Every structure is written in C-alpha cells, then in structure tokens.
Amino acid sequence: EVSESISPALITESATPWMRGLHRTGLSSNPMQNLHCEILHFCQLMSLTSEEMEKREEVLRDIKTIAEEVFPGCTVKPFGSHVSRILTPMSDLDIAVLGVDEGEEDPLYKLGTAIKRADIASYIEVIGAAKIPIVKLDHIRGGVSVDVLCNNDDGLNTAKLMKKFVREYPPLKPLTVVIKVFLAQRKLNETYTGGLGSFVLCVMIISFLQMRQKVSASRRSDMSWNLGSLLLEFLHLYGISFKYADVGISIRDGGSYFLKATRPGWSRPSRPNMLCIENPDYPDVDMGKNSYNMPKVRRAFEHAYQVLLVALGTCSV
C-alpha cells in the first residue's frame, strides 16, 4: 500500500487532494500513466457538484427574471461552458439576452441598472467599449461570475460546435480543464486582459488533436489517448515549436494550418508572435488578435513543459 505522506503528486512537494483517489486505485511503475490518471482524478475533483450546478441554474433564473421584466418578450439562454460542460467551479456563466428592442437607451446599461437595483450582485460593470459589449457581475448567493450579452447569439452556435468536438475527441474536456486552471492561476485566461479565453483555448486544443490524429493516420498507427502524453505534447507545440510568426490555425474541414501572409491583414509585422486563429463560424475573423499577452502564455507553456519533463524523468513512483 502506498502511503500518502511519502507519495506526492508528480510535480508538487506534498500530497494533493486529487492524488488521494489515485492512491486508492494504485500507482503504476510508468510515470506517464500516473500523470494520465492524475489528470483524470484532478478533473473529477474539479467537476461541479449537483449543488453547484443548481446554484448556477438559480443565477440563470435570476438574470432571466430581471431581463424579462426589462425587455418583455426577450429570450434568455446560457451558452459557453455551461452548455458544453467544459467547466470548473471557477468558470463564468455566459448568458445571452436575445430579441431586445434597441431603443433610445443602450440595452446593456438598462439591464445593468436593473440588476444593480435587484441587489443580487456584489460587483457589476457594464463594459460597453469592448469589441463584444457585456455586463459583468458577481452573483452574491450563487458565488458565480456572470457575463451577459444582448442581441448576440454567436455563443449559442459555438456551444453546439464544442459539444460536437467533445464527442469526437474524448481528451478535449480533461485537457481543457487542466489548461484552463493552469492559465487562471497565472491570470492569463481572460481575452479582455490579453489572455486566452475558453473558446480560443478549446480551438487550440482541437487543432492539436486534429493534427496529431492526422500524423497517426499517416503512420497507420492507433492514436494514443494518454492524457499525460497529450498534455506534454500540447505544451511543447504551443510553448516551443509552433511558428507563431508565420502560421495560423483552422479547425474547419478536419483541421489545417495556413500561412498568415496569404490572408490580408492577418500578418502583423509589428507583433509577429501573436496567435492567429480562425473563427470556425466566421472564417474571416481572427480570434487570436485580441490575445496580446500570447508571448507570456507561450513562455508559461514552455516553462511548464520543461518542469513536467524533468518531473517525469526523475519520478520514482
């Protein structure tokens, strides 16, 4: 029997909560297999409980009630991680309010005022100058951060697309959860602060899995779904080997790379190392252009790869 006191997680100095489940199932002599299992247990720990999901539903009902009072006849729908279920307890709740009559008063400010008056938020801000204007708030009872959009249904289509890819690529969900938490710890997970938003990150992981699948097919070999190996390869790709200055990403039609220079306006000589990533719903839109902290993200991935590689090489579990 393995003692928790002498068997820490792969790259930490002490036992972690998710490792307790791994101790119960037993450790392998293969460090990469242990990392695979550790990722699964971590994702299980990060999964929302039924009580946490009910709190999110309560938040959704609160916003729906307020929106319907302010905009009679509107439709209120969640999107993003709440629908795709690629979420953690830290995930925002994304809500779209559709069918709003855009009269004299800006609907976002009108909705923000109503939410503030309802006294359900400890923090509320209308970000009207953003590319996609939103109302941001922290719900008091639910303990959830919320982003509300008006008359923008792009996220609904995105959620359907992500659900399709989750079914197609089983590693997508666990890899996304681990990397989302990794980025959140470093404050690199928000697009409006130059980081990688959830959708952009998902597309990066999907592209990685598509390309890896193509390599396996060309070699006529079965693709390994070992999460430890996939995580390491993902960090190496986007932390070390990816040619940000020259190449862009597309996940349409099975996935491909393209030369940034072939698309007018997509190559930016003043910022050559920016991520260039095609929106699968709107191919003319570069989703990566707002992630201006991509060089910092790349360095974080590179460092994580090096640390993990050393840990795997010296791991004695």
C-alpha atoms as a PDB file:
ATOM      1  CA  GLU A   1       0.000   0.000   0.000  1.00  0.00           C
ATOM      2  CA  VAL A   2       1.264   3.455  -0.954  1.00  0.00           C
ATOM      3  CA  SER A   3       1.442   5.992   1.840  1.00  0.00           C
ATOM      4  CA  GLU A   4       0.095   9.453   1.010  1.00  0.00           C
ATOM      5  CA  SER A   5       2.713  11.041   3.231  1.00  0.00           C
ATOM      6  CA  ILE A   6       5.559   9.770   1.061  1.00  0.00           C
ATOM      7  CA  SER A   7       3.841   9.795  -2.345  1.00  0.00           C
ATOM      8  CA  PRO A   8       3.315  13.358  -3.529  1.00  0.00           C
ATOM      9  CA  ALA A   9       1.745  14.423  -6.807  1.00  0.00           C
ATOM     10  CA  LEU A  10       4.014  14.305  -9.814  1.00  0.00           C
ATOM     11  CA  ILE A  11       5.354  17.859  -9.663  1.00  0.00           C
ATOM     12  CA  THR A  12       4.366  19.061  -6.198  1.00  0.00           C
ATOM     13  CA  GLU A  13       6.138  18.704  -2.883  1.00  0.00           C
ATOM     14  CA  SER A  14       3.208  17.306  -0.919  1.00  0.00           C
ATOM     15  CA  ALA A  15       0.167  15.143  -1.458  1.00  0.00           C
ATOM     16  CA  THR A  16      -2.690  16.930  -3.233  1.00  0.00           C
ATOM     17  CA  PRO A  17      -6.447  16.295  -2.893  1.00  0.00           C
ATOM     18  CA  TRP A  18      -6.780  14.703  -6.322  1.00  0.00           C
ATOM     19  CA  MET A  19      -3.939  12.279  -5.572  1.00  0.00           C
ATOM     20  CA  ARG A  20      -5.957  10.622  -2.810  1.00  0.00           C
ATOM     21  CA  GLY A  21      -8.146   8.938  -5.414  1.00  0.00           C
ATOM     22  CA  LEU A  22      -5.059   7.818  -7.301  1.00  0.00           C
ATOM     23  CA  HIS A  23      -3.655   6.229  -4.147  1.00  0.00           C
ATOM     24  CA  ARG A  24      -6.860   4.241  -3.750  1.00  0.00           C
ATOM     25  CA  THR A  25      -6.698   2.891  -7.305  1.00  0.00           C
ATOM     26  CA  GLY A  26      -2.953   2.255  -7.116  1.00  0.00           C
ATOM     27  CA  LEU A  27       0.100   3.789  -8.750  1.00  0.00           C
ATOM     28  CA  SER A  28       1.828   2.461 -11.847  1.00  0.00           C
ATOM     29  CA  SER A  29       5.530   1.975 -12.461  1.00  0.00           C
ATOM     30  CA  ASN A  30       5.004   4.113 -15.590  1.00  0.00           C
ATOM     31  CA  PRO A  31       5.191   7.857 -14.715  1.00  0.00           C
ATOM     32  CA  MET A  32       3.274   8.848 -17.867  1.00  0.00           C
ATOM     33  CA  GLN A  33       0.433   6.524 -16.915  1.00  0.00           C
ATOM     34  CA  ASN A  34       0.439   8.037 -13.429  1.00  0.00           C
ATOM     35  CA  LEU A  35       0.184  11.506 -14.969  1.00  0.00           C
ATOM     36  CA  HIS A  36      -2.735  10.316 -17.101  1.00  0.00           C
ATOM     37  CA  CYS A  37      -4.536   9.067 -14.008  1.00  0.00           C
ATOM     38  CA  GLU A  38      -3.636  12.178 -12.043  1.00  0.00           C
ATOM     39  CA  ILE A  39      -5.271  14.346 -14.722  1.00  0.00           C
ATOM     40  CA  LEU A  40      -8.436  12.230 -14.589  1.00  0.00           C
ATOM     41  CA  HIS A  41      -8.612  12.497 -10.801  1.00  0.00           C
ATOM     42  CA  PHE A  42      -7.931  16.228 -10.951  1.00  0.00           C
ATOM     43  CA  CYS A  43     -10.783  16.691 -13.430  1.00  0.00           C
ATOM     44  CA  GLN A  44     -13.061  14.639 -11.211  1.00  0.00           C
ATOM     45  CA  LEU A  45     -12.183  16.874  -8.274  1.00  0.00           C
ATOM     46  CA  MET A  46     -12.842  19.990 -10.371  1.00  0.00           C
ATOM     47  CA  SER A  47     -16.215  18.716 -11.599  1.00  0.00           C
ATOM     48  CA  LEU A  48     -19.176  20.656 -10.295  1.00  0.00           C
ATOM     49  CA  THR A  49     -21.410  19.001  -7.725  1.00  0.00           C
ATOM     50  CA  SER A  50     -25.162  18.870  -8.199  1.00  0.00           C
ATOM     51  CA  GLU A  51     -25.461  21.651  -5.603  1.00  0.00           C
ATOM     52  CA  GLU A  52     -23.032  23.863  -7.542  1.00  0.00           C
ATOM     53  CA  MET A  53     -24.928  23.232 -10.778  1.00  0.00           C
ATOM     54  CA  GLU A  54     -28.197  24.138  -9.051  1.00  0.00           C
ATOM     55  CA  LYS A  55     -26.628  27.419  -7.885  1.00  0.00           C
ATOM     56  CA  ARG A  56     -25.783  28.217 -11.495  1.00  0.00           C
ATOM     57  CA  GLU A  57     -29.336  27.451 -12.523  1.00  0.00           C
ATOM     58  CA  GLU A  58     -30.534  29.789  -9.768  1.00  0.00           C
ATOM     59  CA  VAL A  59     -28.297  32.548 -11.118  1.00  0.00           C
ATOM     60  CA  LEU A  60     -29.669  31.929 -14.603  1.00  0.00           C
ATOM     61  CA  ARG A  61     -33.242  32.182 -13.289  1.00  0.00           C
ATOM     62  CA  ASP A  62     -32.438  35.481 -11.531  1.00  0.00           C
ATOM     63  CA  ILE A  63     -30.995  37.041 -14.689  1.00  0.00           C
ATOM     64  CA  LYS A  64     -33.883  35.652 -16.755  1.00  0.00           C
ATOM     65  CA  THR A  65     -36.463  37.165 -14.401  1.00  0.00           C
ATOM     66  CA  ILE A  66     -34.813  40.595 -14.469  1.00  0.00           C
ATOM     67  CA  ALA A  67     -34.262  40.555 -18.247  1.00  0.00           C
ATOM     68  CA  GLU A  68     -37.875  39.595 -18.942  1.00  0.00           C
ATOM     69  CA  GLU A  69     -39.077  42.455 -16.728  1.00  0.00           C
ATOM     70  CA  VAL A  70     -36.831  44.962 -18.500  1.00  0.00           C
ATOM     71  CA  PHE A  71     -37.335  43.562 -22.015  1.00  0.00           C
ATOM     72  CA  PRO A  72     -40.753  41.866 -22.280  1.00  0.00           C
ATOM     73  CA  GLY A  73     -40.753  39.108 -24.873  1.00  0.00           C
ATOM     74  CA  CYS A  74     -36.991  38.578 -24.839  1.00  0.00           C
ATOM     75  CA  THR A  75     -35.313  35.164 -24.806  1.00  0.00           C
ATOM     76  CA  VAL A  76     -32.632  34.317 -22.250  1.00  0.00           C
ATOM     77  CA  LYS A  77     -30.244  31.453 -22.981  1.00  0.00           C
ATOM     78  CA  PRO A  78     -26.965  30.226 -21.457  1.00  0.00           C
ATOM     79  CA  PHE A  79     -24.015  29.398 -23.685  1.00  0.00           C
ATOM     80  CA  GLY A  80     -20.321  28.612 -23.390  1.00  0.00           C
ATOM     81  CA  SER A  81     -19.026  26.187 -20.760  1.00  0.00           C
ATOM     82  CA  HIS A  82     -22.440  25.899 -19.070  1.00  0.00           C
ATOM     83  CA  VAL A  83     -23.737  24.224 -22.229  1.00  0.00           C
ATOM     84  CA  SER A  84     -20.599  22.378 -23.381  1.00  0.00           C
ATOM     85  CA  ARG A  85     -19.984  21.228 -19.777  1.00  0.00           C
ATOM     86  CA  ILE A  86     -16.268  22.003 -20.128  1.00  0.00           C
ATOM     87  CA  LEU A  87     -16.356  23.911 -16.887  1.00  0.00           C
ATOM     88  CA  THR A  88     -14.794  24.212 -13.460  1.00  0.00           C
ATOM     89  CA  PRO A  89     -16.044  25.873 -10.264  1.00  0.00           C
ATOM     90  CA  MET A  90     -14.172  28.995 -11.445  1.00  0.00           C
ATOM     91  CA  SER A  91     -15.921  29.155 -14.831  1.00  0.00           C
ATOM     92  CA  ASP A  92     -18.046  32.183 -15.635  1.00  0.00           C
ATOM     93  CA  LEU A  93     -21.700  31.757 -16.529  1.00  0.00           C
ATOM     94  CA  ASP A  94     -22.303  33.170 -20.015  1.00  0.00           C
ATOM     95  CA  ILE A  95     -25.829  34.369 -20.798  1.00  0.00           C
ATOM     96  CA  ALA A  96     -27.324  35.793 -23.993  1.00  0.00           C
ATOM     97  CA  VAL A  97     -30.424  38.018 -23.892  1.00  0.00           C
ATOM     98  CA  LEU A  98     -31.979  37.936 -27.353  1.00  0.00           C
ATOM     99  CA  GLY A  99     -34.853  39.736 -29.031  1.00  0.00           C
ATOM    100  CA  VAL A 100     -34.157  43.003 -27.250  1.00  0.00           C
ATOM    101  CA  ASP A 101     -35.564  46.185 -28.792  1.00  0.00           C
ATOM    102  CA  GLU A 102     -32.589  48.520 -29.087  1.00  0.00           C
ATOM    103  CA  GLY A 103     -34.390  51.783 -28.454  1.00  0.00           C
ATOM    104  CA  GLU A 104     -33.053  55.102 -27.285  1.00  0.00           C
ATOM    105  CA  GLU A 105     -31.342  53.732 -24.175  1.00  0.00           C
ATOM    106  CA  ASP A 106     -28.473  51.266 -24.538  1.00  0.00           C
ATOM    107  CA  PRO A 107     -29.982  47.897 -23.518  1.00  0.00           C
ATOM    108  CA  LEU A 108     -26.829  46.800 -21.683  1.00  0.00           C
ATOM    109  CA  TYR A 109     -26.863  49.844 -19.413  1.00  0.00           C
ATOM    110  CA  LYS A 110     -30.606  49.432 -18.931  1.00  0.00           C
ATOM    111  CA  LEU A 111     -30.107  45.783 -17.926  1.00  0.00           C
ATOM    112  CA  GLY A 112     -27.115  46.648 -15.731  1.00  0.00           C
ATOM    113  CA  THR A 113     -29.150  49.249 -13.865  1.00  0.00           C
ATOM    114  CA  ALA A 114     -31.957  46.732 -13.272  1.00  0.00           C
ATOM    115  CA  ILE A 115     -29.546  44.086 -11.980  1.00  0.00           C
ATOM    116  CA  LYS A 116     -27.940  46.616  -9.633  1.00  0.00           C
ATOM    117  CA  ARG A 117     -31.373  47.658  -8.365  1.00  0.00           C
ATOM    118  CA  ALA A 118     -32.265  43.980  -7.690  1.00  0.00           C
ATOM    119  CA  ASP A 119     -29.301  43.810  -5.287  1.00  0.00           C
ATOM    120  CA  ILE A 120     -28.184  40.344  -6.404  1.00  0.00           C
ATOM    121  CA  ALA A 121     -24.600  41.284  -7.309  1.00  0.00           C
ATOM    122  CA  SER A 122     -21.606  42.191  -5.149  1.00  0.00           C
ATOM    123  CA  TYR A 123     -19.932  43.658  -8.243  1.00  0.00           C
ATOM    124  CA  ILE A 124     -21.401  44.840 -11.528  1.00  0.00           C
ATOM    125  CA  GLU A 125     -19.890  46.641 -14.500  1.00  0.00           C
ATOM    126  CA  VAL A 126     -21.093  47.426 -17.989  1.00  0.00           C
ATOM    127  CA  ILE A 127     -18.186  47.106 -20.429  1.00  0.00           C
ATOM    128  CA  GLY A 128     -19.698  48.920 -23.375  1.00  0.00           C
ATOM    129  CA  ALA A 129     -16.454  49.813 -25.156  1.00  0.00           C
ATOM    130  CA  ALA A 130     -15.345  46.206 -25.643  1.00  0.00           C
ATOM    131  CA  LYS A 131     -15.488  44.540 -29.053  1.00  0.00           C
ATOM    132  CA  ILE A 132     -18.337  42.461 -27.637  1.00  0.00           C
ATOM    133  CA  PRO A 133     -20.074  44.690 -25.040  1.00  0.00           C
ATOM    134  CA  ILE A 134     -21.127  42.835 -21.898  1.00  0.00           C
ATOM    135  CA  VAL A 135     -22.486  43.228 -18.406  1.00  0.00           C
ATOM    136  CA  LYS A 136     -20.100  41.590 -15.912  1.00  0.00           C
ATOM    137  CA  LEU A 137     -21.270  40.754 -12.425  1.00  0.00           C
ATOM    138  CA  ASP A 138     -20.577  38.567  -9.408  1.00  0.00           C
ATOM    139  CA  HIS A 139     -23.752  36.920  -8.147  1.00  0.00           C
ATOM    140  CA  ILE A 140     -23.958  37.050  -4.347  1.00  0.00           C
ATOM    141  CA  ARG A 141     -25.914  33.885  -3.499  1.00  0.00           C
ATOM    142  CA  GLY A 142     -24.594  31.781  -6.360  1.00  0.00           C
ATOM    143  CA  GLY A 143     -20.957  32.780  -5.913  1.00  0.00           C
ATOM    144  CA  VAL A 144     -20.637  32.828  -9.700  1.00  0.00           C
ATOM    145  CA  SER A 145     -19.188  35.405 -12.081  1.00  0.00           C
ATOM    146  CA  VAL A 146     -21.570  36.168 -14.936  1.00  0.00           C
ATOM    147  CA  ASP A 147     -21.166  37.694 -18.404  1.00  0.00           C
ATOM    148  CA  VAL A 148     -24.367  38.892 -20.081  1.00  0.00           C
ATOM    149  CA  LEU A 149     -24.662  39.838 -23.760  1.00  0.00           C
ATOM    150  CA  CYS A 150     -27.575  41.439 -25.591  1.00  0.00           C
ATOM    151  CA  ASN A 151     -28.713  40.516 -29.100  1.00  0.00           C
ATOM    152  CA  ASN A 152     -25.637  38.399 -29.801  1.00  0.00           C
ATOM    153  CA  ASP A 153     -26.279  34.713 -30.485  1.00  0.00           C
ATOM    154  CA  ASP A 154     -22.782  33.783 -31.697  1.00  0.00           C
ATOM    155  CA  GLY A 155     -22.118  31.944 -28.459  1.00  0.00           C
ATOM    156  CA  LEU A 156     -25.106  29.638 -28.971  1.00  0.00           C
ATOM    157  CA  ASN A 157     -23.631  28.290 -32.213  1.00  0.00           C
ATOM    158  CA  THR A 158     -20.223  27.988 -30.567  1.00  0.00           C
ATOM    159  CA  ALA A 159     -21.664  25.864 -27.742  1.00  0.00           C
ATOM    160  CA  LYS A 160     -23.176  23.418 -30.248  1.00  0.00           C
ATOM    161  CA  LEU A 161     -19.846  23.168 -32.049  1.00  0.00           C
ATOM    162  CA  MET A 162     -17.959  22.468 -28.816  1.00  0.00           C
ATOM    163  CA  LYS A 163     -20.410  19.724 -27.826  1.00  0.00           C
ATOM    164  CA  LYS A 164     -19.742  18.086 -31.204  1.00  0.00           C
ATOM    165  CA  PHE A 165     -15.972  18.173 -30.692  1.00  0.00           C
ATOM    166  CA  VAL A 166     -16.257  16.885 -27.107  1.00  0.00           C
ATOM    167  CA  ARG A 167     -17.997  13.802 -28.519  1.00  0.00           C
ATOM    168  CA  GLU A 168     -15.436  13.451 -31.300  1.00  0.00           C
ATOM    169  CA  TYR A 169     -12.326  13.924 -29.146  1.00  0.00           C
ATOM    170  CA  PRO A 170     -12.592  12.434 -25.619  1.00  0.00           C
ATOM    171  CA  PRO A 171      -9.344  14.109 -24.419  1.00  0.00           C
ATOM    172  CA  LEU A 172     -10.679  17.586 -25.235  1.00  0.00           C
ATOM    173  CA  LYS A 173     -12.581  18.076 -21.987  1.00  0.00           C
ATOM    174  CA  PRO A 174      -9.894  16.940 -19.487  1.00  0.00           C
ATOM    175  CA  LEU A 175      -7.107  18.764 -21.331  1.00  0.00           C
ATOM    176  CA  THR A 176      -9.170  21.952 -21.426  1.00  0.00           C
ATOM    177  CA  VAL A 177      -9.974  21.756 -17.712  1.00  0.00           C
ATOM    178  CA  VAL A 178      -6.312  21.310 -16.734  1.00  0.00           C
ATOM    179  CA  ILE A 179      -5.025  24.084 -19.011  1.00  0.00           C
ATOM    180  CA  LYS A 180      -7.861  26.472 -18.073  1.00  0.00           C
ATOM    181  CA  VAL A 181      -6.909  26.142 -14.404  1.00  0.00           C
ATOM    182  CA  PHE A 182      -3.213  26.497 -15.298  1.00  0.00           C
ATOM    183  CA  LEU A 183      -3.901  29.764 -17.155  1.00  0.00           C
ATOM    184  CA  ALA A 184      -6.308  31.069 -14.493  1.00  0.00           C
ATOM    185  CA  GLN A 185      -3.636  30.651 -11.804  1.00  0.00           C
ATOM    186  CA  ARG A 186      -1.396  32.920 -13.885  1.00  0.00           C
ATOM    187  CA  LYS A 187      -4.174  35.415 -14.781  1.00  0.00           C
ATOM    188  CA  LEU A 188      -3.791  34.539 -18.472  1.00  0.00           C
ATOM    189  CA  ASN A 189      -7.318  33.207 -19.036  1.00  0.00           C
ATOM    190  CA  GLU A 190      -9.245  36.356 -19.969  1.00  0.00           C
ATOM    191  CA  THR A 191      -9.357  37.736 -23.511  1.00  0.00           C
ATOM    192  CA  TYR A 192     -10.076  41.283 -22.356  1.00  0.00           C
ATOM    193  CA  THR A 193      -6.736  41.281 -20.480  1.00  0.00           C
ATOM    194  CA  GLY A 194      -4.874  39.768 -23.439  1.00  0.00           C
ATOM    195  CA  GLY A 195      -5.016  36.141 -22.330  1.00  0.00           C
ATOM    196  CA  LEU A 196      -6.621  33.035 -23.827  1.00  0.00           C
ATOM    197  CA  GLY A 197     -10.385  32.867 -23.462  1.00  0.00           C
ATOM    198  CA  SER A 198     -12.068  29.476 -23.139  1.00  0.00           C
ATOM    199  CA  PHE A 199     -13.214  29.276 -26.768  1.00  0.00           C
ATOM    200  CA  VAL A 200      -9.798  30.203 -28.178  1.00  0.00           C
ATOM    201  CA  LEU A 201      -8.136  27.663 -25.889  1.00  0.00           C
ATOM    202  CA  CYS A 202     -10.606  24.950 -26.934  1.00  0.00           C
ATOM    203  CA  VAL A 203      -9.883  25.645 -30.609  1.00  0.00           C
ATOM    204  CA  MET A 204      -6.127  25.411 -29.953  1.00  0.00           C
ATOM    205  CA  ILE A 205      -6.594  22.027 -28.270  1.00  0.00           C
ATOM    206  CA  ILE A 206      -8.929  20.792 -31.023  1.00  0.00           C
ATOM    207  CA  SER A 207      -6.372  21.799 -33.665  1.00  0.00           C
ATOM    208  CA  PHE A 208      -3.637  19.982 -31.737  1.00  0.00           C
ATOM    209  CA  LEU A 209      -5.751  16.809 -31.553  1.00  0.00           C
ATOM    210  CA  GLN A 210      -6.711  17.036 -35.236  1.00  0.00           C
ATOM    211  CA  MET A 211      -3.090  17.329 -36.323  1.00  0.00           C
ATOM    212  CA  ARG A 212      -1.991  14.551 -34.022  1.00  0.00           C
ATOM    213  CA  GLN A 213      -4.718  12.319 -35.419  1.00  0.00           C
ATOM    214  CA  LYS A 214      -3.512  13.040 -38.958  1.00  0.00           C
ATOM    215  CA  VAL A 215       0.034  12.055 -38.019  1.00  0.00           C
ATOM    216  CA  SER A 216      -1.226   8.795 -36.507  1.00  0.00           C
ATOM    217  CA  ALA A 217      -3.256   8.081 -39.633  1.00  0.00           C
ATOM    218  CA  SER A 218      -0.270   8.742 -41.910  1.00  0.00           C
ATOM    219  CA  ARG A 219       1.781   6.282 -39.873  1.00  0.00           C
ATOM    220  CA  ARG A 220      -1.124   3.815 -39.862  1.00  0.00           C
ATOM    221  CA  SER A 221      -0.954   3.616 -36.093  1.00  0.00           C
ATOM    222  CA  ASP A 222      -3.625   3.939 -33.432  1.00  0.00           C
ATOM    223  CA  MET A 223      -3.753   7.324 -31.738  1.00  0.00           C
ATOM    224  CA  SER A 224      -2.861   7.218 -28.061  1.00  0.00           C
ATOM    225  CA  TRP A 225      -5.331   8.885 -25.724  1.00  0.00           C
ATOM    226  CA  ASN A 226      -2.848   9.013 -22.808  1.00  0.00           C
ATOM    227  CA  LEU A 227      -3.609  12.386 -21.259  1.00  0.00           C
ATOM    228  CA  GLY A 228      -0.133  12.752 -19.780  1.00  0.00           C
ATOM    229  CA  SER A 229       1.475  12.345 -23.180  1.00  0.00           C
ATOM    230  CA  LEU A 230      -1.062  14.648 -24.816  1.00  0.00           C
ATOM    231  CA  LEU A 231      -0.547  17.377 -22.211  1.00  0.00           C
ATOM    232  CA  LEU A 232       3.215  17.232 -22.642  1.00  0.00           C
ATOM    233  CA  GLU A 233       2.927  17.383 -26.447  1.00  0.00           C
ATOM    234  CA  PHE A 234       0.453  20.277 -26.276  1.00  0.00           C
ATOM    235  CA  LEU A 235       2.813  22.297 -24.067  1.00  0.00           C
ATOM    236  CA  HIS A 236       5.725  21.540 -26.393  1.00  0.00           C
ATOM    237  CA  LEU A 237       3.761  22.525 -29.500  1.00  0.00           C
ATOM    238  CA  TYR A 238       2.470  25.881 -28.281  1.00  0.00           C
ATOM    239  CA  GLY A 239       5.368  26.612 -25.933  1.00  0.00           C
ATOM    240  CA  ILE A 240       8.293  25.742 -28.179  1.00  0.00           C
ATOM    241  CA  SER A 241       7.737  24.519 -31.730  1.00  0.00           C
ATOM    242  CA  PHE A 242       4.737  26.436 -33.125  1.00  0.00           C
ATOM    243  CA  LYS A 243       5.723  29.132 -35.649  1.00  0.00           C
ATOM    244  CA  TYR A 244       3.530  31.987 -34.464  1.00  0.00           C
ATOM    245  CA  ALA A 245       5.148  34.482 -36.857  1.00  0.00           C
ATOM    246  CA  ASP A 246       4.199  32.534 -39.966  1.00  0.00           C
ATOM    247  CA  VAL A 247       1.352  30.105 -39.296  1.00  0.00           C
ATOM    248  CA  GLY A 248      -2.340  30.364 -38.469  1.00  0.00           C
ATOM    249  CA  ILE A 249      -4.807  27.744 -37.211  1.00  0.00           C
ATOM    250  CA  SER A 250      -8.072  26.456 -38.684  1.00  0.00           C
ATOM    251  CA  ILE A 251     -10.222  23.605 -37.330  1.00  0.00           C
ATOM    252  CA  ARG A 252     -12.640  23.558 -40.265  1.00  0.00           C
ATOM    253  CA  ASP A 253     -12.777  20.526 -42.588  1.00  0.00           C
ATOM    254  CA  GLY A 254     -10.695  18.305 -40.341  1.00  0.00           C
ATOM    255  CA  GLY A 255      -8.186  20.972 -39.358  1.00  0.00           C
ATOM    256  CA  SER A 256      -5.245  22.641 -41.092  1.00  0.00           C
ATOM    257  CA  TYR A 257      -2.563  25.274 -40.795  1.00  0.00           C
ATOM    258  CA  PHE A 258      -2.255  28.210 -43.197  1.00  0.00           C
ATOM    259  CA  LEU A 259       0.332  30.879 -43.910  1.00  0.00           C
ATOM    260  CA  LYS A 260      -0.643  34.166 -42.271  1.00  0.00           C
ATOM    261  CA  ALA A 261       0.803  36.055 -45.227  1.00  0.00           C
ATOM    262  CA  THR A 262      -1.883  34.570 -47.507  1.00  0.00           C
ATOM    263  CA  ARG A 263      -4.651  36.405 -45.618  1.00  0.00           C
ATOM    264  CA  PRO A 264      -4.633  40.198 -45.905  1.00  0.00           C
ATOM    265  CA  GLY A 265      -4.457  41.870 -42.500  1.00  0.00           C
ATOM    266  CA  TRP A 266      -3.725  38.662 -40.580  1.00  0.00           C
ATOM    267  CA  SER A 267       0.052  39.083 -40.565  1.00  0.00           C
ATOM    268  CA  ARG A 268       1.166  41.902 -38.254  1.00  0.00           C
ATOM    269  CA  PRO A 269       4.876  42.779 -38.658  1.00  0.00           C
ATOM    270  CA  SER A 270       4.808  44.948 -35.516  1.00  0.00           C
ATOM    271  CA  ARG A 271       3.524  41.988 -33.457  1.00  0.00           C
ATOM    272  CA  PRO A 272       4.876  38.930 -35.293  1.00  0.00           C
ATOM    273  CA  ASN A 273       4.484  36.407 -32.471  1.00  0.00           C
ATOM    274  CA  MET A 274       0.754  36.841 -31.953  1.00  0.00           C
ATOM    275  CA  LEU A 275      -1.610  33.882 -32.147  1.00  0.00           C
ATOM    276  CA  CYS A 276      -3.552  33.741 -35.409  1.00  0.00           C
ATOM    277  CA  ILE A 277      -6.629  31.525 -35.175  1.00  0.00           C
ATOM    278  CA  GLU A 278      -9.628  31.341 -37.482  1.00  0.00           C
ATOM    279  CA  ASN A 279     -13.132  31.523 -36.033  1.00  0.00           C
ATOM    280  CA  PRO A 280     -14.792  28.283 -37.219  1.00  0.00           C
ATOM    281  CA  ASP A 281     -18.173  30.034 -37.530  1.00  0.00           C
ATOM    282  CA  TYR A 282     -16.788  33.164 -39.204  1.00  0.00           C
ATOM    283  CA  PRO A 283     -13.612  32.229 -41.147  1.00  0.00           C
ATOM    284  CA  ASP A 284     -12.792  35.851 -41.926  1.00  0.00           C
ATOM    285  CA  VAL A 285     -12.393  36.621 -38.215  1.00  0.00           C
ATOM    286  CA  ASP A 286      -9.045  36.174 -36.460  1.00  0.00           C
ATOM    287  CA  MET A 287      -9.918  35.237 -32.853  1.00  0.00           C
ATOM    288  CA  GLY A 288      -6.298  35.401 -31.734  1.00  0.00           C
ATOM    289  CA  LYS A 289      -5.677  39.082 -32.417  1.00  0.00           C
ATOM    290  CA  ASN A 290      -7.018  40.146 -29.006  1.00  0.00           C
ATOM    291  CA  SER A 291      -4.711  37.781 -27.084  1.00  0.00           C
ATOM    292  CA  TYR A 292      -1.905  40.325 -26.909  1.00  0.00           C
ATOM    293  CA  ASN A 293      -0.295  38.503 -23.969  1.00  0.00           C
ATOM    294  CA  MET A 294       0.340  35.441 -26.145  1.00  0.00           C
ATOM    295  CA  PRO A 295       4.142  35.728 -25.768  1.00  0.00           C
ATOM    296  CA  LYS A 296       3.645  35.450 -21.987  1.00  0.00           C
ATOM    297  CA  VAL A 297       1.295  32.469 -22.492  1.00  0.00           C
ATOM    298  CA  ARG A 298       3.875  30.809 -24.732  1.00  0.00           C
ATOM    299  CA  ARG A 299       6.597  31.249 -22.102  1.00  0.00           C
ATOM    300  CA  ALA A 300       4.289  29.794 -19.444  1.00  0.00           C
ATOM    301  CA  PHE A 301       3.662  26.736 -21.637  1.00  0.00           C
ATOM    302  CA  GLU A 302       7.391  26.349 -22.317  1.00  0.00           C
ATOM    303  CA  HIS A 303       8.253  26.533 -18.627  1.00  0.00           C
ATOM    304  CA  ALA A 304       5.515  24.045 -17.735  1.00  0.00           C
ATOM    305  CA  TYR A 305       6.829  21.645 -20.380  1.00  0.00           C
ATOM    306  CA  GLN A 306      10.374  21.823 -19.010  1.00  0.00           C
ATOM    307  CA  VAL A 307       9.229  21.347 -15.400  1.00  0.00           C
ATOM    308  CA  LEU A 308       6.979  18.449 -16.318  1.00  0.00           C
ATOM    309  CA  LEU A 309       9.672  16.802 -18.424  1.00  0.00           C
ATOM    310  CA  VAL A 310      12.115  16.892 -15.518  1.00  0.00           C
ATOM    311  CA  ALA A 311       9.477  15.558 -13.138  1.00  0.00           C
ATOM    312  CA  LEU A 312       8.674  12.659 -15.445  1.00  0.00           C
ATOM    313  CA  GLY A 313      12.335  11.865 -15.904  1.00  0.00           C
ATOM    314  CA  THR A 314      13.110  11.829 -12.189  1.00  0.00           C
ATOM    315  CA  CYS A 315       9.790  10.469 -10.902  1.00  0.00           C
ATOM    316  CA  SER A 316      10.234   7.302  -8.882  1.00  0.00           C
ATOM    317  CA  VAL A 317       6.564   6.475  -8.246  1.00  0.00           C
END
